[in-house]
Amino acid sequence: MIRTKFIKKGKWRTIESFFNTGGMAYFRNPAGASIKVRYGIGWFGKDRQKQKLTGTSYKRLTVGKWSLTGARMQIKVSTDTEVTYDVVPAESPLGVPSIRF
């Protein structure tokens, strides 16, 4: 499912949340933005899968279905901007997004 959200610059912003379920998301733009998955809550949280977007190739974040403490896909941008990404179920066999964006 293709989604577009307006993201304000500065802090890490949550764009998708998962609890006891999984999923994948594909990102490409904006170039220079950082993405990650944050597992857990508060001080007990851990960051995983940190990546930087290039604007040319797709980057994928994956959350397993055993995210019992919760997981959040987050993004950090340097300017206020709209971010378009593709979210699919964790069981999806796709290596790239089904629809190019």
N, C-alpha and C. Protein backbone atom coordinates (compact mmCIF):
# COMPACT_ATOMS: atom_id res chain seq x y z
N MET A 1 0.85 -1.15 0.00
CA MET A 1 0.00 0.00 0.00
C MET A 1 0.91 1.23 0.00
N ILE A 2 0.78 2.06 -1.02
CA ILE A 2 1.57 3.28 -1.14
C ILE A 2 0.99 4.33 -0.19
N ARG A 3 1.87 4.94 0.59
CA ARG A 3 1.43 5.99 1.52
C ARG A 3 2.32 7.21 1.36
N THR A 4 1.73 8.37 1.59
CA THR A 4 2.48 9.63 1.57
C THR A 4 2.16 10.39 2.85
N LYS A 5 3.21 10.83 3.53
CA LYS A 5 3.03 11.59 4.77
C LYS A 5 3.93 12.82 4.76
N PHE A 6 3.45 13.89 5.37
CA PHE A 6 4.25 15.10 5.53
C PHE A 6 5.08 14.96 6.80
N ILE A 7 6.39 15.12 6.67
CA ILE A 7 7.31 14.96 7.80
C ILE A 7 8.01 16.28 8.08
N LYS A 8 8.01 16.69 9.35
CA LYS A 8 8.72 17.91 9.75
C LYS A 8 10.19 17.58 10.02
N LYS A 9 11.05 18.54 9.74
CA LYS A 9 12.49 18.33 9.91
C LYS A 9 12.87 18.22 11.39
N GLY A 10 14.06 17.68 11.61
CA GLY A 10 14.61 17.66 12.97
C GLY A 10 14.67 16.30 13.61
N LYS A 11 13.68 15.98 14.43
CA LYS A 11 13.69 14.75 15.23
C LYS A 11 13.31 13.53 14.40
N TRP A 12 13.52 12.35 15.02
CA TRP A 12 13.03 11.11 14.44
C TRP A 12 11.51 11.11 14.53
N ARG A 13 10.85 10.84 13.42
CA ARG A 13 9.38 10.82 13.35
C ARG A 13 8.90 9.41 13.01
N THR A 14 7.93 8.92 13.77
CA THR A 14 7.36 7.59 13.53
C THR A 14 6.38 7.68 12.37
N ILE A 15 6.56 6.78 11.39
CA ILE A 15 5.63 6.77 10.26
C ILE A 15 4.79 5.50 10.22
N GLU A 16 5.26 4.42 10.85
CA GLU A 16 4.48 3.18 10.94
C GLU A 16 4.77 2.53 12.29
N SER A 17 3.74 1.96 12.93
CA SER A 17 3.89 1.26 14.20
C SER A 17 3.39 -0.17 14.05
N PHE A 18 4.06 -1.09 14.73
CA PHE A 18 3.69 -2.50 14.69
C PHE A 18 3.68 -3.06 16.12
N PHE A 19 2.70 -3.88 16.42
CA PHE A 19 2.64 -4.56 17.71
C PHE A 19 2.16 -5.98 17.46
N ASN A 20 3.02 -6.95 17.76
CA ASN A 20 2.69 -8.37 17.60
C ASN A 20 2.31 -8.71 16.16
N THR A 21 2.89 -8.00 15.22
CA THR A 21 2.69 -8.25 13.80
C THR A 21 3.93 -7.77 13.07
N GLY A 22 4.02 -8.07 11.80
CA GLY A 22 5.19 -7.68 11.05
C GLY A 22 4.83 -6.94 9.78
N GLY A 23 5.85 -6.43 9.13
CA GLY A 23 5.64 -5.74 7.87
C GLY A 23 6.95 -5.26 7.29
N MET A 24 6.90 -4.84 6.05
CA MET A 24 8.06 -4.29 5.37
C MET A 24 7.66 -2.97 4.75
N ALA A 25 8.61 -2.08 4.61
CA ALA A 25 8.36 -0.82 3.93
C ALA A 25 9.56 -0.52 3.04
N TYR A 26 9.26 0.03 1.87
CA TYR A 26 10.29 0.42 0.91
C TYR A 26 10.30 1.93 0.79
N PHE A 27 11.51 2.51 0.80
CA PHE A 27 11.70 3.94 0.71
C PHE A 27 12.72 4.24 -0.38
N ARG A 28 12.64 5.43 -0.99
CA ARG A 28 13.66 5.87 -1.95
C ARG A 28 14.02 7.34 -1.75
N ASN A 29 13.04 8.16 -1.51
CA ASN A 29 13.24 9.60 -1.36
C ASN A 29 12.73 10.06 -0.01
N PRO A 30 13.15 11.18 0.48
CA PRO A 30 14.08 12.16 -0.07
C PRO A 30 15.54 11.75 0.15
N ALA A 31 16.38 12.09 -0.80
CA ALA A 31 17.80 11.78 -0.69
C ALA A 31 18.37 12.45 0.56
N GLY A 32 19.19 11.72 1.29
CA GLY A 32 19.81 12.24 2.50
C GLY A 32 19.04 11.97 3.78
N ALA A 33 17.79 11.53 3.67
CA ALA A 33 17.00 11.21 4.86
C ALA A 33 17.51 9.91 5.48
N SER A 34 17.33 9.76 6.78
CA SER A 34 17.72 8.54 7.49
C SER A 34 16.48 7.79 7.92
N ILE A 35 16.52 6.45 7.83
CA ILE A 35 15.41 5.61 8.28
C ILE A 35 15.95 4.55 9.23
N LYS A 36 15.06 4.05 10.10
CA LYS A 36 15.45 3.01 11.05
C LYS A 36 14.20 2.32 11.60
N VAL A 37 14.42 1.21 12.30
CA VAL A 37 13.36 0.55 13.07
C VAL A 37 13.74 0.68 14.54
N ARG A 38 12.79 1.11 15.35
CA ARG A 38 13.01 1.24 16.81
C ARG A 38 12.14 0.21 17.51
N TYR A 39 12.79 -0.73 18.21
CA TYR A 39 12.10 -1.77 18.98
C TYR A 39 12.06 -1.37 20.44
N GLY A 40 10.98 -1.71 21.14
CA GLY A 40 10.90 -1.46 22.57
C GLY A 40 10.31 -0.11 22.90
N ILE A 41 10.38 0.20 24.21
CA ILE A 41 9.74 1.40 24.73
C ILE A 41 10.74 2.18 25.58
N GLY A 42 10.79 3.49 25.39
CA GLY A 42 11.59 4.36 26.23
C GLY A 42 13.06 4.00 26.29
N TRP A 43 13.61 4.02 27.52
CA TRP A 43 15.03 3.73 27.73
C TRP A 43 15.41 2.32 27.34
N PHE A 44 14.44 1.41 27.28
CA PHE A 44 14.72 0.02 26.95
C PHE A 44 14.68 -0.24 25.45
N GLY A 45 14.46 0.79 24.66
CA GLY A 45 14.36 0.64 23.20
C GLY A 45 15.72 0.48 22.54
N LYS A 46 15.71 -0.13 21.38
CA LYS A 46 16.92 -0.35 20.59
C LYS A 46 16.65 0.04 19.14
N ASP A 47 17.62 0.70 18.53
CA ASP A 47 17.53 1.05 17.11
C ASP A 47 18.18 -0.04 16.27
N ARG A 48 17.56 -0.38 15.17
CA ARG A 48 18.08 -1.39 14.25
C ARG A 48 17.88 -0.91 12.81
N GLN A 49 18.60 -1.49 11.90
CA GLN A 49 18.45 -1.29 10.45
C GLN A 49 18.58 0.17 10.02
N LYS A 50 19.48 0.91 10.63
CA LYS A 50 19.66 2.32 10.22
C LYS A 50 20.21 2.36 8.80
N GLN A 51 19.58 3.22 7.97
CA GLN A 51 19.99 3.37 6.58
C GLN A 51 19.81 4.82 6.15
N LYS A 52 20.54 5.21 5.12
CA LYS A 52 20.41 6.55 4.55
C LYS A 52 19.87 6.41 3.13
N LEU A 53 18.87 7.23 2.80
CA LEU A 53 18.26 7.19 1.48
C LEU A 53 19.12 7.94 0.46
N THR A 54 19.21 7.36 -0.75
CA THR A 54 20.04 7.96 -1.80
C THR A 54 19.23 8.69 -2.86
N GLY A 55 17.95 8.36 -2.98
CA GLY A 55 17.12 8.95 -4.01
C GLY A 55 17.13 8.18 -5.31
N THR A 56 18.02 7.17 -5.42
CA THR A 56 18.11 6.39 -6.66
C THR A 56 17.72 4.93 -6.46
N SER A 57 18.08 4.34 -5.33
CA SER A 57 17.76 2.93 -5.09
C SER A 57 16.79 2.81 -3.92
N TYR A 58 16.03 1.71 -3.91
CA TYR A 58 15.07 1.47 -2.83
C TYR A 58 15.78 0.90 -1.61
N LYS A 59 15.37 1.32 -0.44
CA LYS A 59 15.85 0.78 0.84
C LYS A 59 14.66 0.13 1.53
N ARG A 60 14.91 -1.00 2.19
CA ARG A 60 13.83 -1.75 2.83
C ARG A 60 14.04 -1.84 4.33
N LEU A 61 12.96 -1.61 5.09
CA LEU A 61 12.94 -1.86 6.53
C LEU A 61 12.00 -3.03 6.76
N THR A 62 12.38 -3.94 7.66
CA THR A 62 11.57 -5.12 7.94
C THR A 62 11.34 -5.24 9.44
N VAL A 63 10.10 -5.55 9.82
CA VAL A 63 9.75 -5.83 11.21
C VAL A 63 9.17 -7.23 11.25
N GLY A 64 9.73 -8.10 12.10
CA GLY A 64 9.24 -9.47 12.23
C GLY A 64 7.92 -9.52 12.97
N LYS A 65 7.19 -10.60 12.79
CA LYS A 65 5.87 -10.72 13.43
C LYS A 65 5.96 -10.91 14.93
N TRP A 66 7.16 -11.10 15.46
CA TRP A 66 7.32 -11.31 16.91
C TRP A 66 7.70 -10.03 17.64
N SER A 67 7.28 -8.91 17.13
CA SER A 67 7.58 -7.63 17.79
C SER A 67 6.65 -7.43 18.98
N LEU A 68 6.85 -8.22 20.02
CA LEU A 68 5.95 -8.23 21.18
C LEU A 68 5.98 -6.92 21.96
N THR A 69 7.12 -6.25 21.99
CA THR A 69 7.20 -5.00 22.73
C THR A 69 6.87 -3.81 21.84
N GLY A 70 6.60 -4.06 20.60
CA GLY A 70 6.29 -3.01 19.66
C GLY A 70 7.49 -2.58 18.86
N ALA A 71 7.23 -2.13 17.65
CA ALA A 71 8.29 -1.64 16.78
C ALA A 71 7.74 -0.45 15.99
N ARG A 72 8.64 0.49 15.73
CA ARG A 72 8.24 1.68 14.98
C ARG A 72 9.24 1.93 13.86
N MET A 73 8.72 2.18 12.66
CA MET A 73 9.57 2.63 11.57
C MET A 73 9.63 4.14 11.67
N GLN A 74 10.85 4.66 11.66
CA GLN A 74 11.04 6.10 11.85
C GLN A 74 11.90 6.69 10.75
N ILE A 75 11.70 7.99 10.53
CA ILE A 75 12.48 8.72 9.53
C ILE A 75 12.90 10.05 10.11
N LYS A 76 14.05 10.53 9.63
CA LYS A 76 14.57 11.83 10.04
C LYS A 76 14.98 12.58 8.76
N VAL A 77 14.43 13.77 8.56
CA VAL A 77 14.71 14.54 7.36
C VAL A 77 15.32 15.89 7.73
N SER A 78 16.04 16.50 6.79
CA SER A 78 16.70 17.78 7.07
C SER A 78 15.84 18.99 6.71
N THR A 79 14.79 18.79 5.91
CA THR A 79 13.84 19.86 5.58
C THR A 79 12.43 19.30 5.64
N ASP A 80 11.46 20.13 5.93
CA ASP A 80 10.07 19.68 5.91
C ASP A 80 9.73 19.16 4.51
N THR A 81 9.19 17.97 4.43
CA THR A 81 8.95 17.36 3.12
C THR A 81 7.89 16.27 3.19
N GLU A 82 7.38 15.88 2.04
CA GLU A 82 6.48 14.73 1.94
C GLU A 82 7.31 13.50 1.64
N VAL A 83 6.98 12.40 2.28
CA VAL A 83 7.67 11.14 2.07
C VAL A 83 6.67 10.12 1.55
N THR A 84 7.00 9.48 0.44
CA THR A 84 6.16 8.43 -0.13
C THR A 84 6.89 7.11 0.04
N TYR A 85 6.16 6.10 0.52
CA TYR A 85 6.75 4.79 0.76
C TYR A 85 5.70 3.71 0.54
N ASP A 86 6.15 2.47 0.42
CA ASP A 86 5.27 1.33 0.16
C ASP A 86 5.35 0.38 1.35
N VAL A 87 4.20 0.09 1.97
CA VAL A 87 4.14 -0.83 3.11
C VAL A 87 3.47 -2.12 2.65
N VAL A 88 4.10 -3.27 2.94
CA VAL A 88 3.56 -4.57 2.56
C VAL A 88 3.61 -5.51 3.76
N PRO A 89 2.79 -6.57 3.76
CA PRO A 89 2.84 -7.55 4.86
C PRO A 89 4.21 -8.23 4.91
N ALA A 90 4.58 -8.68 6.09
CA ALA A 90 5.90 -9.31 6.29
C ALA A 90 6.06 -10.57 5.45
N GLU A 91 4.97 -11.25 5.14
CA GLU A 91 5.04 -12.49 4.39
C GLU A 91 5.24 -12.28 2.89
N SER A 92 5.23 -11.04 2.44
CA SER A 92 5.35 -10.74 1.02
C SER A 92 6.71 -11.20 0.49
N PRO A 93 6.71 -11.93 -0.63
CA PRO A 93 7.98 -12.42 -1.19
C PRO A 93 8.71 -11.39 -2.04
N LEU A 94 8.18 -10.20 -2.14
CA LEU A 94 8.75 -9.19 -3.04
C LEU A 94 10.09 -8.69 -2.54
N GLY A 95 11.02 -8.52 -3.48
CA GLY A 95 12.32 -7.95 -3.15
C GLY A 95 12.36 -6.46 -3.42
N VAL A 96 11.42 -6.01 -4.23
CA VAL A 96 11.28 -4.58 -4.55
C VAL A 96 9.80 -4.23 -4.47
N PRO A 97 9.47 -2.95 -4.40
CA PRO A 97 8.05 -2.58 -4.33
C PRO A 97 7.27 -3.08 -5.55
N SER A 98 6.01 -3.41 -5.34
CA SER A 98 5.17 -3.89 -6.43
C SER A 98 4.84 -2.78 -7.43
N ILE A 99 4.78 -1.54 -6.94
CA ILE A 99 4.49 -0.39 -7.77
C ILE A 99 5.66 0.58 -7.61
N ARG A 100 6.24 0.99 -8.72
CA ARG A 100 7.35 1.95 -8.67
C ARG A 100 6.85 3.32 -8.28
N PHE A 101 7.55 3.97 -7.39
CA PHE A 101 7.17 5.33 -7.00
C PHE A 101 8.39 6.19 -6.92
